[in-house]
Amino acid sequence: MASSSSVSQSTLYQIPKCGCNRPMRMFVANSDENPRRRFWKCTLSLGTASCGLFIWDDEIEGHPPYIRETKCQPRKKKEYNDGSSGSGATCNGCNCSEILRDIMNIVKELQLSKGDNLKMKLKNERNTSNKFKSLLFISWFFFFAYCKMFG
């Protein structure tokens, strides 16, 4: 069977059948042109009775696509000095000290605006609390006045 309970993300794919009406066998290519690309062959491919069918796994509908690995050329690294230490550090062609300074400024602005928002919320909560205290005091005043007059 194609599934396993020990595999956390197992996906069921239907095993293709060859011209001999037998389930095909999966192999993995080791060539430079198709590294680690999966393909299917007839199970009788070593014998003379084989139909010789060959299918790339990613060409079958519903199977995951083949993602070819690309070889990246390393970038030329430049030296920069962010002013925090005497030695320069490597960088990929950007002025990292300026970018770092800009990021720090943005973070400070966000923290200040967040602090201002919290101060405004606290002020509003205090105003609301004071209004409720005043209403409570007024209600008790009228209660005692009512008790004195009619009690």
C-alpha atoms as a PDB file:
ATOM      1  CA  MET A   1       0.000   0.000   0.000  1.00  0.00           C
ATOM      2  CA  ALA A   2       1.198   3.561  -0.673  1.00  0.00           C
ATOM      3  CA  SER A   3       0.304   5.033   2.725  1.00  0.00           C
ATOM      4  CA  SER A   4       1.970   4.758   6.097  1.00  0.00           C
ATOM      5  CA  SER A   5       0.728   5.790   9.516  1.00  0.00           C
ATOM      6  CA  SER A   6       4.221   6.846  10.591  1.00  0.00           C
ATOM      7  CA  VAL A   7       4.461   9.518   7.887  1.00  0.00           C
ATOM      8  CA  SER A   8       2.866  12.757   9.070  1.00  0.00           C
ATOM      9  CA  GLN A   9       2.154  14.281   5.661  1.00  0.00           C
ATOM     10  CA  SER A  10       1.562  11.250   3.501  1.00  0.00           C
ATOM     11  CA  THR A  11      -0.426  11.826   0.341  1.00  0.00           C
ATOM     12  CA  LEU A  12      -2.092   9.039  -1.537  1.00  0.00           C
ATOM     13  CA  TYR A  13      -1.281   8.891  -5.222  1.00  0.00           C
ATOM     14  CA  GLN A  14      -2.564   6.242  -7.526  1.00  0.00           C
ATOM     15  CA  ILE A  15       0.220   3.986  -8.780  1.00  0.00           C
ATOM     16  CA  PRO A  16       0.155   4.043 -12.581  1.00  0.00           C
ATOM     17  CA  LYS A  17      -0.197   0.830 -14.559  1.00  0.00           C
ATOM     18  CA  CYS A  18       1.937  -0.004 -17.570  1.00  0.00           C
ATOM     19  CA  GLY A  19       0.962  -1.573 -20.892  1.00  0.00           C
ATOM     20  CA  CYS A  20       1.320  -5.021 -19.278  1.00  0.00           C
ATOM     21  CA  ASN A  21      -1.520  -3.973 -16.921  1.00  0.00           C
ATOM     22  CA  ARG A  22       0.809  -4.279 -13.924  1.00  0.00           C
ATOM     23  CA  PRO A  23       1.601  -1.618 -11.327  1.00  0.00           C
ATOM     24  CA  MET A  24       4.674   0.350 -12.338  1.00  0.00           C
ATOM     25  CA  ARG A  25       7.742   0.797 -10.113  1.00  0.00           C
ATOM     26  CA  MET A  26       9.070   4.204  -9.045  1.00  0.00           C
ATOM     27  CA  PHE A  27      12.739   5.133  -9.485  1.00  0.00           C
ATOM     28  CA  VAL A  28      14.741   8.288  -8.813  1.00  0.00           C
ATOM     29  CA  ALA A  29      17.012   9.714 -11.515  1.00  0.00           C
ATOM     30  CA  ASN A  30      20.635  10.459 -10.615  1.00  0.00           C
ATOM     31  CA  SER A  31      21.604  12.203 -13.846  1.00  0.00           C
ATOM     32  CA  ASP A  32      22.953  15.758 -14.094  1.00  0.00           C
ATOM     33  CA  GLU A  33      20.021  16.725 -16.344  1.00  0.00           C
ATOM     34  CA  ASN A  34      17.327  15.501 -13.910  1.00  0.00           C
ATOM     35  CA  PRO A  35      18.790  15.215 -10.419  1.00  0.00           C
ATOM     36  CA  ARG A  36      16.454  13.497  -7.937  1.00  0.00           C
ATOM     37  CA  ARG A  37      13.576  13.491 -10.434  1.00  0.00           C
ATOM     38  CA  ARG A  38      11.158  10.618  -9.879  1.00  0.00           C
ATOM     39  CA  PHE A  39      10.007   8.396 -12.726  1.00  0.00           C
ATOM     40  CA  TRP A  40       7.982   5.222 -13.256  1.00  0.00           C
ATOM     41  CA  LYS A  41       9.006   2.149 -15.276  1.00  0.00           C
ATOM     42  CA  CYS A  42       7.404  -1.151 -16.125  1.00  0.00           C
ATOM     43  CA  THR A  43       8.117  -3.744 -13.416  1.00  0.00           C
ATOM     44  CA  LEU A  44       9.266  -6.129 -16.120  1.00  0.00           C
ATOM     45  CA  SER A  45      11.750  -3.590 -17.520  1.00  0.00           C
ATOM     46  CA  LEU A  46      14.695  -5.923 -16.962  1.00  0.00           C
ATOM     47  CA  GLY A  47      13.060  -8.807 -18.793  1.00  0.00           C
ATOM     48  CA  THR A  48      12.259  -9.358 -22.451  1.00  0.00           C
ATOM     49  CA  ALA A  49       8.475  -9.336 -21.880  1.00  0.00           C
ATOM     50  CA  SER A  50       8.505  -5.673 -20.812  1.00  0.00           C
ATOM     51  CA  CYS A  51       6.314  -3.119 -22.534  1.00  0.00           C
ATOM     52  CA  GLY A  52       9.110  -0.543 -21.962  1.00  0.00           C
ATOM     53  CA  LEU A  53       6.784   2.179 -20.652  1.00  0.00           C
ATOM     54  CA  PHE A  54       8.562   5.121 -18.958  1.00  0.00           C
ATOM     55  CA  ILE A  55       6.742   8.081 -17.331  1.00  0.00           C
ATOM     56  CA  TRP A  56       8.075  11.053 -15.361  1.00  0.00           C
ATOM     57  CA  ASP A  57       6.218  11.267 -12.041  1.00  0.00           C
ATOM     58  CA  ASP A  58       5.568  15.012 -12.342  1.00  0.00           C
ATOM     59  CA  GLU A  59       3.864  14.529 -15.730  1.00  0.00           C
ATOM     60  CA  ILE A  60       1.103  12.443 -14.137  1.00  0.00           C
ATOM     61  CA  GLU A  61      -1.950  14.525 -13.262  1.00  0.00           C
ATOM     62  CA  GLY A  62      -2.331  15.068  -9.526  1.00  0.00           C
ATOM     63  CA  HIS A  63       1.284  14.252  -8.684  1.00  0.00           C
ATOM     64  CA  PRO A  64       3.592  16.944  -7.256  1.00  0.00           C
ATOM     65  CA  PRO A  65       5.606  18.972  -9.786  1.00  0.00           C
ATOM     66  CA  TYR A  66       9.333  18.544 -10.274  1.00  0.00           C
ATOM     67  CA  ILE A  67      11.275  21.536  -9.008  1.00  0.00           C
ATOM     68  CA  ARG A  68      14.644  21.842 -10.657  1.00  0.00           C
ATOM     69  CA  GLU A  69      17.414  23.049  -8.411  1.00  0.00           C
ATOM     70  CA  THR A  70      19.274  26.073  -9.683  1.00  0.00           C
ATOM     71  CA  LYS A  71      22.902  26.715  -9.019  1.00  0.00           C
ATOM     72  CA  CYS A  72      23.425  30.228  -7.728  1.00  0.00           C
ATOM     73  CA  GLN A  73      26.545  32.197  -8.375  1.00  0.00           C
ATOM     74  CA  PRO A  74      27.917  33.640  -5.146  1.00  0.00           C
ATOM     75  CA  ARG A  75      27.721  37.406  -4.967  1.00  0.00           C
ATOM     76  CA  LYS A  76      30.777  39.547  -4.566  1.00  0.00           C
ATOM     77  CA  LYS A  77      30.952  40.567  -0.952  1.00  0.00           C
ATOM     78  CA  LYS A  78      31.930  44.067   0.052  1.00  0.00           C
ATOM     79  CA  GLU A  79      33.237  45.376   3.324  1.00  0.00           C
ATOM     80  CA  TYR A  80      31.285  47.840   5.412  1.00  0.00           C
ATOM     81  CA  ASN A  81      31.674  49.350   8.821  1.00  0.00           C
ATOM     82  CA  ASP A  82      28.573  50.036  10.879  1.00  0.00           C
ATOM     83  CA  GLY A  83      30.498  52.109  13.382  1.00  0.00           C
ATOM     84  CA  SER A  84      29.851  49.713  16.258  1.00  0.00           C
ATOM     85  CA  SER A  85      33.160  47.903  15.971  1.00  0.00           C
ATOM     86  CA  GLY A  86      36.543  48.622  14.515  1.00  0.00           C
ATOM     87  CA  SER A  87      36.447  45.793  11.999  1.00  0.00           C
ATOM     88  CA  GLY A  88      34.389  45.728   8.831  1.00  0.00           C
ATOM     89  CA  ALA A  89      31.921  42.955   8.086  1.00  0.00           C
ATOM     90  CA  THR A  90      30.908  41.391   4.805  1.00  0.00           C
ATOM     91  CA  CYS A  91      27.823  42.600   3.011  1.00  0.00           C
ATOM     92  CA  ASN A  92      26.139  41.794  -0.313  1.00  0.00           C
ATOM     93  CA  GLY A  93      26.440  45.182  -1.983  1.00  0.00           C
ATOM     94  CA  CYS A  94      24.167  47.132   0.355  1.00  0.00           C
ATOM     95  CA  ASN A  95      24.883  49.802   2.872  1.00  0.00           C
ATOM     96  CA  CYS A  96      23.814  47.784   5.880  1.00  0.00           C
ATOM     97  CA  SER A  97      24.665  50.421   8.459  1.00  0.00           C
ATOM     98  CA  GLU A  98      22.199  52.881   6.893  1.00  0.00           C
ATOM     99  CA  ILE A  99      19.524  50.214   6.571  1.00  0.00           C
ATOM    100  CA  LEU A 100      20.054  49.179  10.193  1.00  0.00           C
ATOM    101  CA  ARG A 101      19.822  52.810  11.308  1.00  0.00           C
ATOM    102  CA  ASP A 102      16.564  53.273   9.336  1.00  0.00           C
ATOM    103  CA  ILE A 103      15.095  50.106  10.832  1.00  0.00           C
ATOM    104  CA  MET A 104      16.000  51.228  14.343  1.00  0.00           C
ATOM    105  CA  ASN A 105      14.340  54.625  13.706  1.00  0.00           C
ATOM    106  CA  ILE A 106      11.176  52.941  12.448  1.00  0.00           C
ATOM    107  CA  VAL A 107      11.073  50.655  15.498  1.00  0.00           C
ATOM    108  CA  LYS A 108      11.496  53.647  17.837  1.00  0.00           C
ATOM    109  CA  GLU A 109       8.680  55.530  16.067  1.00  0.00           C
ATOM    110  CA  LEU A 110       6.398  52.502  16.359  1.00  0.00           C
ATOM    111  CA  GLN A 111       7.174  52.153  20.055  1.00  0.00           C
ATOM    112  CA  LEU A 112       6.509  55.865  20.652  1.00  0.00           C
ATOM    113  CA  SER A 113       3.214  55.782  18.763  1.00  0.00           C
ATOM    114  CA  LYS A 114       2.205  52.622  20.636  1.00  0.00           C
ATOM    115  CA  GLY A 115       3.056  54.358  23.922  1.00  0.00           C
ATOM    116  CA  ASP A 116       0.995  57.400  22.910  1.00  0.00           C
ATOM    117  CA  ASN A 117      -1.959  55.162  22.048  1.00  0.00           C
ATOM    118  CA  LEU A 118      -1.704  53.418  25.412  1.00  0.00           C
ATOM    119  CA  LYS A 119      -1.560  56.778  27.227  1.00  0.00           C
ATOM    120  CA  MET A 120      -4.706  57.935  25.409  1.00  0.00           C
ATOM    121  CA  LYS A 121      -6.517  54.694  26.296  1.00  0.00           C
ATOM    122  CA  LEU A 122      -5.496  55.044  29.941  1.00  0.00           C
ATOM    123  CA  LYS A 123      -6.709  58.658  30.009  1.00  0.00           C
ATOM    124  CA  ASN A 124     -10.069  57.650  28.489  1.00  0.00           C
ATOM    125  CA  GLU A 125     -10.444  54.816  31.014  1.00  0.00           C
ATOM    126  CA  ARG A 126      -9.701  57.187  33.901  1.00  0.00           C
ATOM    127  CA  ASN A 127     -12.271  59.697  32.586  1.00  0.00           C
ATOM    128  CA  THR A 128     -14.883  56.947  32.302  1.00  0.00           C
ATOM    129  CA  SER A 129     -14.050  55.702  35.794  1.00  0.00           C
ATOM    130  CA  ASN A 130     -14.357  59.218  37.238  1.00  0.00           C
ATOM    131  CA  LYS A 131     -17.753  59.676  35.543  1.00  0.00           C
ATOM    132  CA  PHE A 132     -19.028  56.435  37.086  1.00  0.00           C
ATOM    133  CA  LYS A 133     -17.721  57.497  40.515  1.00  0.00           C
ATOM    134  CA  SER A 134     -19.583  60.794  40.158  1.00  0.00           C
ATOM    135  CA  LEU A 135     -22.796  59.010  39.133  1.00  0.00           C
ATOM    136  CA  LEU A 136     -22.472  56.636  42.096  1.00  0.00           C
ATOM    137  CA  PHE A 137     -21.951  59.561  44.498  1.00  0.00           C
ATOM    138  CA  ILE A 138     -24.953  61.430  43.068  1.00  0.00           C
ATOM    139  CA  SER A 139     -27.163  58.323  43.281  1.00  0.00           C
ATOM    140  CA  TRP A 140     -26.215  57.793  46.960  1.00  0.00           C
ATOM    141  CA  PHE A 141     -26.865  61.485  47.662  1.00  0.00           C
ATOM    142  CA  PHE A 142     -30.386  61.220  46.221  1.00  0.00           C
ATOM    143  CA  PHE A 143     -30.953  57.939  48.100  1.00  0.00           C
ATOM    144  CA  PHE A 144     -30.080  59.533  51.471  1.00  0.00           C
ATOM    145  CA  ALA A 145     -32.096  62.643  50.614  1.00  0.00           C
ATOM    146  CA  TYR A 146     -35.110  60.451  49.771  1.00  0.00           C
ATOM    147  CA  CYS A 147     -34.687  58.482  53.011  1.00  0.00           C
ATOM    148  CA  LYS A 148     -34.521  61.726  55.077  1.00  0.00           C
ATOM    149  CA  MET A 149     -37.594  63.216  53.430  1.00  0.00           C
ATOM    150  CA  PHE A 150     -39.834  60.150  53.425  1.00  0.00           C
ATOM    151  CA  GLY A 151     -38.216  57.940  56.025  1.00  0.00           C
END
